[in-house]
Amino acid sequence: MPGAMGTLVDGTRRFAVDLHALRSGLGIGEFAPSGQVASGLPDLLRAREHGYRRIDAHTLLHLLNFEVMQPYSLDLSRPDLVCIQAIVAGSYTRWIGARMDLVPPQVLQISNVAASTSDTQAGRRLRGLLIVCEREHLLSHYRLDLASVPQAYRPIFLSREGSPEVLQLPLSATGIGLVDQMLACKYPEPLRGIFLGVKTVEFICDMVAQLHRPQRPAAPRALSGHAKRRAVEAAAEIYRREIADPPSIEQLALRVGLNRNELTAGFRQAHGLTPHAYAHMHRMERARELLGEGTLSISEVARRVGYEGYSSFARAYHGHFGHPPAQRGPAEAQPGE
């Protein structure tokens, strides 16, 4: 299964992997090096092994134990597949449509969307795993009880189209131990394949058992100062990208792997503002840019920066700039409300 050479976009090499086709193209127990799947990708990494292994008829395993020498993006096609991500060290950013999340260490993430994009910067060291399992197999074989899954996340397991939401759980001590065992495995083939297959099943069993217990939000583990700064940078980027529907501080903290106090302290240190004030500033600046272009009505500008109506937007705009919103080009004669 020869892989396509990555394309260069804005100085970053971009690769694409179709996980459904990859699983279908491998025999049970077979391993496909990443160079075979995405030609040129190994040149950007320092790793002993990097690729995908078919565990059984329904499951793929991708171990992450490498240092990134040059930045790259990876587009993953993953229809009707549940992706189970566990990072024990390092982090990267993942795009699901227009939504960007930081994939932090020490958190178990479960998702099911047709496509996603992962961006990894040079100098990052990643240790962890990605398990890809057919949705129906996860339900039928592992007997996942959906009644124990929070309502908002059930489409991950019930819908072929999946959900843009990502279910996050604390990475259990058992899960961390299993990841470490798999990364440390030095058995030759075929023992290596047998060992990794058993440990992958064990990891999924631990995840299902955790889902069957009463749910609690993922508790972010202690991060280094550098990791916290990266998380704050990712949070600021989320605010800039999702300007029309910014997440709450609690949602944002969960998405980047920090608690509320760490996120607030990080924003004050990096930007001199609270997260809410930072988001508000960018919404107002974007509104002023759109008004200056003169192509949209004030009500439409309000909608694009996350306000339901003219009145609330006008109050916020006046409070920020000291004057009401006004267009410089062709404008609506009267506000819509």
Protein backbone atom coordinates (compact mmCIF):
# COMPACT_ATOMS: atom_id res chain seq x y z
CA MET A 1 0.00 0.00 0.00
CA PRO A 2 2.28 2.80 -1.19
CA GLY A 3 1.64 6.10 0.56
CA ALA A 4 1.50 9.47 -1.12
CA MET A 5 4.36 11.91 -0.55
CA GLY A 6 3.31 14.76 1.74
CA THR A 7 2.62 18.14 0.19
CA LEU A 8 4.23 21.35 1.38
CA VAL A 9 1.73 23.95 2.68
CA ASP A 10 2.97 27.20 4.27
CA GLY A 11 6.30 25.61 5.09
CA THR A 12 4.74 22.58 6.78
CA ARG A 13 4.72 19.10 5.25
CA ARG A 14 1.18 17.70 5.08
CA PHE A 15 0.33 14.01 4.90
CA ALA A 16 -2.91 12.04 4.61
CA VAL A 17 -3.79 8.60 6.00
CA ASP A 18 -7.05 6.73 5.41
CA LEU A 19 -7.41 4.57 8.52
CA HIS A 20 -10.31 2.57 7.09
CA ALA A 21 -8.35 1.65 3.95
CA LEU A 22 -5.23 1.02 6.00
CA ARG A 23 -7.00 -1.47 8.24
CA SER A 24 -8.56 -3.21 5.24
CA GLY A 25 -5.19 -3.44 3.48
CA LEU A 26 -3.38 -5.13 6.35
CA GLY A 27 -3.62 -8.75 7.40
CA ILE A 28 -4.22 -9.52 11.07
CA GLY A 29 -0.95 -9.01 12.93
CA GLU A 30 0.71 -7.18 10.04
CA PHE A 31 2.61 -3.94 10.56
CA ALA A 32 2.83 -1.07 8.05
CA PRO A 33 5.73 1.38 8.57
CA SER A 34 4.68 5.00 8.23
CA GLY A 35 6.94 5.41 5.21
CA GLN A 36 4.77 2.84 3.46
CA VAL A 37 1.59 4.68 4.48
CA ALA A 38 2.75 8.31 4.14
CA SER A 39 5.93 8.53 2.09
CA GLY A 40 8.42 10.99 3.53
CA LEU A 41 6.94 11.16 7.04
CA PRO A 42 9.76 9.13 8.69
CA ASP A 43 12.26 11.72 7.44
CA LEU A 44 10.69 14.26 9.81
CA LEU A 45 10.88 12.04 12.90
CA ARG A 46 13.46 10.43 15.13
CA ALA A 47 11.94 7.08 16.08
CA ARG A 48 12.88 3.44 16.46
CA GLU A 49 9.52 2.38 15.01
CA HIS A 50 6.64 4.40 13.60
CA GLY A 51 3.67 2.84 11.85
CA TYR A 52 0.37 1.01 12.17
CA ARG A 53 -0.35 -2.54 13.29
CA ARG A 54 -3.56 -4.46 12.68
CA ILE A 55 -4.45 -6.13 15.98
CA ASP A 56 -7.53 -8.05 14.81
CA ALA A 57 -10.18 -7.77 12.11
CA HIS A 58 -11.55 -4.61 13.71
CA THR A 59 -8.67 -2.81 15.43
CA LEU A 60 -5.52 -0.84 14.55
CA LEU A 61 -2.72 0.21 16.91
CA HIS A 62 -0.39 3.16 16.35
CA LEU A 63 2.36 3.61 18.95
CA LEU A 64 3.84 7.07 19.45
CA ASN A 65 7.41 7.18 20.72
CA PHE A 66 9.34 9.75 18.71
CA GLU A 67 10.79 13.25 18.48
CA VAL A 68 9.57 15.62 15.77
CA MET A 69 12.47 17.07 13.76
CA GLN A 70 10.34 19.16 11.38
CA PRO A 71 6.72 20.33 11.77
CA TYR A 72 4.03 18.37 9.95
CA SER A 73 0.27 17.98 9.63
CA LEU A 74 -1.51 14.66 9.35
CA ASP A 75 -5.00 14.44 7.82
CA LEU A 76 -6.78 11.32 9.10
CA SER A 77 -9.80 9.86 7.32
CA ARG A 78 -11.60 7.75 9.93
CA PRO A 79 -15.28 7.13 9.04
CA ASP A 80 -17.28 5.13 11.60
CA LEU A 81 -14.13 4.42 13.62
CA VAL A 82 -13.71 5.16 17.30
CA CYS A 83 -10.28 6.65 18.02
CA ILE A 84 -8.86 6.11 21.50
CA GLN A 85 -5.93 8.43 22.20
CA ALA A 86 -3.67 8.23 25.25
CA ILE A 87 -0.64 10.51 25.51
CA VAL A 88 1.65 10.01 28.52
CA ALA A 89 4.17 12.69 27.52
CA GLY A 90 4.07 15.57 25.03
CA SER A 91 1.15 17.23 23.29
CA TYR A 92 -0.12 18.26 19.85
CA THR A 93 -3.07 20.13 18.38
CA ARG A 94 -5.99 18.45 16.62
CA TRP A 95 -8.54 20.02 14.30
CA ILE A 96 -12.08 18.65 13.94
CA GLY A 97 -13.61 20.93 11.35
CA ALA A 98 -13.08 24.50 12.59
CA ARG A 99 -12.58 23.34 16.19
CA MET A 100 -9.05 23.10 17.52
CA ASP A 101 -8.15 21.17 20.68
CA LEU A 102 -4.86 20.58 22.42
CA VAL A 103 -4.33 16.88 22.99
CA PRO A 104 -2.64 17.03 26.41
CA PRO A 105 -0.71 14.36 28.30
CA GLN A 106 -2.25 12.10 30.96
CA VAL A 107 -5.78 12.34 29.53
CA LEU A 108 -7.70 9.61 27.71
CA GLN A 109 -9.59 10.96 24.69
CA ILE A 110 -12.30 9.08 22.79
CA SER A 111 -13.68 10.45 19.51
CA ASN A 112 -15.50 9.46 16.35
CA VAL A 113 -15.59 11.88 13.43
CA ALA A 114 -15.13 11.24 9.73
CA ALA A 115 -11.95 13.31 9.50
CA SER A 116 -9.47 15.18 11.67
CA THR A 117 -6.12 16.92 11.29
CA SER A 118 -3.21 16.73 13.73
CA ASP A 119 -0.52 19.42 13.81
CA THR A 120 2.79 18.70 15.52
CA GLN A 121 5.60 21.21 15.98
CA ALA A 122 9.32 20.63 15.69
CA GLY A 123 11.02 19.69 18.94
CA ARG A 124 7.99 17.90 20.36
CA ARG A 125 8.55 14.51 21.97
CA LEU A 126 5.49 12.29 22.00
CA ARG A 127 4.90 9.09 23.96
CA GLY A 128 1.54 7.37 23.84
CA LEU A 129 -0.77 5.41 21.59
CA LEU A 130 -3.71 5.62 19.24
CA ILE A 131 -6.14 2.70 19.07
CA VAL A 132 -8.65 2.71 16.21
CA CYS A 133 -11.62 0.37 16.57
CA GLU A 134 -14.77 -0.21 14.53
CA ARG A 135 -17.65 1.39 16.38
CA GLU A 136 -20.00 -1.62 16.16
CA HIS A 137 -17.25 -3.98 17.33
CA LEU A 138 -16.58 -1.83 20.37
CA LEU A 139 -20.26 -2.03 21.30
CA SER A 140 -20.87 -5.70 20.58
CA HIS A 141 -17.55 -7.33 21.52
CA TYR A 142 -16.66 -5.26 24.59
CA ARG A 143 -20.31 -4.85 25.65
CA LEU A 144 -20.07 -1.14 26.30
CA ASP A 145 -23.12 -0.05 28.33
CA LEU A 146 -24.17 3.26 26.78
CA ALA A 147 -26.34 4.08 29.78
CA SER A 148 -23.09 4.82 31.63
CA VAL A 149 -21.89 7.27 28.97
CA PRO A 150 -22.92 10.94 29.38
CA GLN A 151 -25.74 11.81 26.99
CA ALA A 152 -23.73 14.40 25.07
CA TYR A 153 -21.10 11.82 24.13
CA ARG A 154 -23.30 8.88 23.14
CA PRO A 155 -23.23 9.79 19.41
CA ILE A 156 -19.55 8.80 19.49
CA PHE A 157 -20.72 5.21 19.89
CA LEU A 158 -24.20 5.35 18.32
CA SER A 159 -23.79 7.31 15.08
CA ARG A 160 -21.89 6.45 11.91
CA GLU A 161 -21.25 10.18 11.49
CA GLY A 162 -19.96 10.39 15.06
CA SER A 163 -19.78 13.66 16.95
CA PRO A 164 -17.43 16.66 17.01
CA GLU A 165 -17.36 16.31 20.79
CA VAL A 166 -14.41 14.48 22.36
CA LEU A 167 -14.98 12.42 25.51
CA GLN A 168 -12.13 13.03 27.94
CA LEU A 169 -11.34 10.89 30.98
CA PRO A 170 -8.41 10.79 33.36
CA LEU A 171 -5.80 8.36 32.09
CA SER A 172 -5.87 5.64 34.74
CA ALA A 173 -2.78 4.25 36.44
CA THR A 174 -3.50 0.94 34.69
CA GLY A 175 -3.71 2.74 31.34
CA ILE A 176 -0.42 4.55 31.90
CA GLY A 177 1.23 1.26 32.84
CA LEU A 178 -0.08 -0.47 29.71
CA VAL A 179 1.19 2.34 27.46
CA ASP A 180 4.61 2.13 29.10
CA GLN A 181 4.68 -1.66 28.67
CA MET A 182 3.85 -1.40 24.97
CA LEU A 183 6.42 1.32 24.33
CA ALA A 184 9.10 -0.65 26.21
CA CYS A 185 8.41 -3.94 24.42
CA LYS A 186 11.59 -5.29 22.81
CA TYR A 187 10.34 -8.72 21.79
CA PRO A 188 11.14 -9.74 18.21
CA GLU A 189 8.35 -10.62 15.83
CA PRO A 190 6.05 -12.52 16.05
CA LEU A 191 6.20 -12.26 19.86
CA ARG A 192 6.05 -8.48 19.63
CA GLY A 193 2.82 -8.59 17.64
CA ILE A 194 1.24 -11.07 20.06
CA PHE A 195 2.28 -9.01 23.09
CA LEU A 196 1.00 -5.74 21.63
CA GLY A 197 -2.26 -7.38 20.61
CA VAL A 198 -2.90 -8.64 24.14
CA LYS A 199 -2.02 -5.28 25.68
CA THR A 200 -4.25 -3.40 23.22
CA VAL A 201 -7.24 -5.54 24.20
CA GLU A 202 -6.34 -5.03 27.87
CA PHE A 203 -6.21 -1.26 27.35
CA ILE A 204 -9.66 -1.23 25.70
CA CYS A 205 -11.05 -3.37 28.55
CA ASP A 206 -9.67 -0.89 31.10
CA MET A 207 -11.24 1.99 29.15
CA VAL A 208 -14.66 0.28 29.00
CA ALA A 209 -14.47 -0.55 32.72
CA GLN A 210 -13.67 3.10 33.40
CA LEU A 211 -16.66 4.20 31.30
CA HIS A 212 -18.89 1.87 33.31
CA ARG A 213 -17.90 3.60 36.54
CA PRO A 214 -19.55 6.89 37.58
CA GLN A 215 -18.17 9.60 35.32
CA ARG A 216 -16.13 12.57 36.45
CA PRO A 217 -14.30 15.13 34.33
CA ALA A 218 -10.73 14.43 33.37
CA ALA A 219 -8.47 15.84 36.06
CA PRO A 220 -5.50 17.49 34.37
CA ARG A 221 -2.16 16.28 35.73
CA ALA A 222 0.64 18.62 36.75
CA LEU A 223 2.37 20.08 33.69
CA SER A 224 5.77 21.70 33.35
CA GLY A 225 6.00 25.46 32.91
CA HIS A 226 6.80 25.03 29.22
CA ALA A 227 3.83 22.68 28.72
CA LYS A 228 1.53 25.16 30.49
CA ARG A 229 2.69 27.96 28.19
CA ARG A 230 1.96 25.78 25.14
CA ALA A 231 -1.49 25.02 26.56
CA VAL A 232 -2.19 28.74 27.04
CA GLU A 233 -1.04 29.43 23.47
CA ALA A 234 -3.44 26.74 22.23
CA ALA A 235 -6.26 28.23 24.32
CA ALA A 236 -5.64 31.68 22.84
CA GLU A 237 -5.73 30.19 19.34
CA ILE A 238 -9.04 28.48 20.14
CA TYR A 239 -10.51 31.84 21.18
CA ARG A 240 -9.26 33.47 17.96
CA ARG A 241 -10.59 30.63 15.79
CA GLU A 242 -13.95 30.18 17.51
CA ILE A 243 -14.75 33.86 17.81
CA ALA A 244 -18.43 33.41 16.89
CA ASP A 245 -19.04 30.83 19.63
CA PRO A 246 -16.24 31.00 22.19
CA PRO A 247 -16.11 28.19 24.76
CA SER A 248 -16.60 28.88 28.44
CA ILE A 249 -13.48 29.08 30.61
CA GLU A 250 -14.31 25.63 32.03
CA GLN A 251 -14.69 24.13 28.56
CA LEU A 252 -11.51 25.79 27.35
CA ALA A 253 -9.51 24.60 30.36
CA LEU A 254 -10.66 21.02 29.76
CA ARG A 255 -9.78 21.19 26.08
CA VAL A 256 -6.17 22.24 26.72
CA GLY A 257 -5.56 20.12 29.83
CA LEU A 258 -5.37 22.86 32.48
CA ASN A 259 -7.56 23.75 35.43
CA ARG A 260 -9.37 27.08 35.57
CA ASN A 261 -6.83 28.73 37.88
CA GLU A 262 -3.87 27.64 35.74
CA LEU A 263 -5.57 28.90 32.60
CA THR A 264 -6.41 32.28 34.14
CA ALA A 265 -2.90 32.70 35.59
CA GLY A 266 -1.37 31.71 32.24
CA PHE A 267 -3.44 34.28 30.32
CA ARG A 268 -2.54 37.02 32.79
CA GLN A 269 1.14 36.21 32.42
CA ALA A 270 1.12 35.86 28.61
CA HIS A 271 -1.41 38.56 27.66
CA GLY A 272 -2.05 40.66 30.76
CA LEU A 273 -5.74 39.75 30.58
CA THR A 274 -8.13 37.15 31.92
CA PRO A 275 -9.30 34.55 29.37
CA HIS A 276 -12.73 36.24 29.19
CA ALA A 277 -11.20 39.68 28.62
CA TYR A 278 -8.86 38.27 25.96
CA ALA A 279 -11.76 36.64 24.10
CA HIS A 280 -13.85 39.82 24.37
CA MET A 281 -10.99 41.96 23.02
CA HIS A 282 -10.59 39.75 19.96
CA ARG A 283 -14.33 39.68 19.30
CA MET A 284 -14.45 43.48 19.38
CA GLU A 285 -11.34 43.86 17.20
CA ARG A 286 -12.79 41.44 14.67
CA ALA A 287 -16.09 43.33 14.73
CA ARG A 288 -14.29 46.60 14.00
CA GLU A 289 -12.45 44.98 11.07
CA LEU A 290 -15.71 43.68 9.58
CA LEU A 291 -17.44 47.02 10.04
CA GLY A 292 -14.52 48.76 8.38
CA GLU A 293 -14.87 46.55 5.31
CA GLY A 294 -18.39 47.93 4.88
CA THR A 295 -19.82 44.85 3.18
CA LEU A 296 -21.93 43.47 6.04
CA SER A 297 -24.80 44.91 8.03
CA ILE A 298 -24.20 45.68 11.68
CA SER A 299 -26.56 42.88 12.67
CA GLU A 300 -24.60 40.42 10.51
CA VAL A 301 -21.33 41.57 12.04
CA ALA A 302 -22.87 41.06 15.46
CA ARG A 303 -23.82 37.50 14.53
CA ARG A 304 -20.36 36.72 13.19
CA VAL A 305 -18.70 37.68 16.45
CA GLY A 306 -21.16 35.75 18.59
CA TYR A 307 -23.99 38.14 19.49
CA GLU A 308 -27.61 37.16 18.90
CA GLY A 309 -28.87 40.68 18.33
CA TYR A 310 -27.91 44.25 17.58
CA SER A 311 -28.69 45.64 21.03
CA SER A 312 -26.36 43.41 23.06
CA PHE A 313 -23.62 43.83 20.46
CA ALA A 314 -23.99 47.63 20.42
CA ARG A 315 -23.70 47.80 24.22
CA ALA A 316 -20.58 45.63 24.20
CA TYR A 317 -19.03 47.58 21.33
CA HIS A 318 -19.74 50.95 22.97
CA GLY A 319 -18.34 49.70 26.27
CA HIS A 320 -15.12 48.59 24.56
CA PHE A 321 -14.48 51.47 22.14
CA GLY A 322 -16.48 54.30 23.72
CA HIS A 323 -18.74 54.81 20.69
CA PRO A 324 -21.50 52.83 18.97
CA PRO A 325 -20.77 50.53 16.02
CA ALA A 326 -20.86 52.17 12.60
CA GLN A 327 -19.99 51.10 9.09
CA ARG A 328 -17.71 52.92 6.70
CA GLY A 329 -19.17 51.52 3.52
CA PRO A 330 -22.68 50.67 2.25
CA ALA A 331 -24.66 50.13 5.41
CA GLU A 332 -28.11 49.16 6.53
CA ALA A 333 -30.31 52.20 7.09
CA GLN A 334 -31.57 51.03 10.48
CA PRO A 335 -30.42 48.30 12.85
CA GLY A 336 -32.50 45.17 12.70
CA GLU A 337 -33.72 45.57 16.24
